[in-house]
Amino acid sequence: DTIEQAIERAGTKAGNKGWDAALAAVEMANLLKGLNA
């Protein structure tokens, strides 16, 4: 397996759902932290 194959399996062409979910969680945490300040 090459790096390129691993990247394709991770779903970069269709969007990496795990990364999207992690990013959304971080944004939500920052938003909540801002509301509580």
Protein backbone atom coordinates (compact mmCIF):
# COMPACT_ATOMS: atom_id res chain seq x y z
CA ASP A 1 0.00 0.00 0.00
CA THR A 2 1.17 3.47 -0.83
CA ILE A 3 0.35 6.74 0.88
CA GLU A 4 -1.82 7.62 -2.10
CA GLN A 5 -3.88 4.45 -1.68
CA ALA A 6 -4.31 5.11 2.03
CA ILE A 7 -5.48 8.65 1.35
CA GLU A 8 -8.00 7.40 -1.22
CA ARG A 9 -9.31 4.79 1.25
CA ALA A 10 -9.74 7.53 3.86
CA GLY A 11 -12.30 9.06 1.51
CA THR A 12 -10.70 12.37 0.60
CA LYS A 13 -12.55 12.42 -2.74
CA ALA A 14 -15.95 11.95 -1.07
CA GLY A 15 -15.02 13.89 2.05
CA ASN A 16 -13.51 12.47 5.21
CA LYS A 17 -16.52 12.16 7.53
CA GLY A 18 -14.43 11.47 10.63
CA TRP A 19 -12.46 14.68 10.13
CA ASP A 20 -15.68 16.64 9.47
CA ALA A 21 -17.20 15.31 12.70
CA ALA A 22 -14.10 16.11 14.73
CA LEU A 23 -13.98 19.63 13.31
CA ALA A 24 -17.66 20.16 14.09
CA ALA A 25 -17.13 18.97 17.68
CA VAL A 26 -14.23 21.39 18.19
CA GLU A 27 -16.24 24.27 16.75
CA MET A 28 -19.20 23.41 19.01
CA ALA A 29 -16.93 23.25 22.09
CA ASN A 30 -15.45 26.65 21.24
CA LEU A 31 -18.93 28.10 20.76
CA LEU A 32 -20.17 26.76 24.10
CA LYS A 33 -17.03 28.01 25.85
CA GLY A 34 -17.67 31.45 24.39
CA LEU A 35 -21.29 31.45 25.58
CA ASN A 36 -20.27 30.55 29.15
CA ALA A 37 -17.57 33.23 29.35
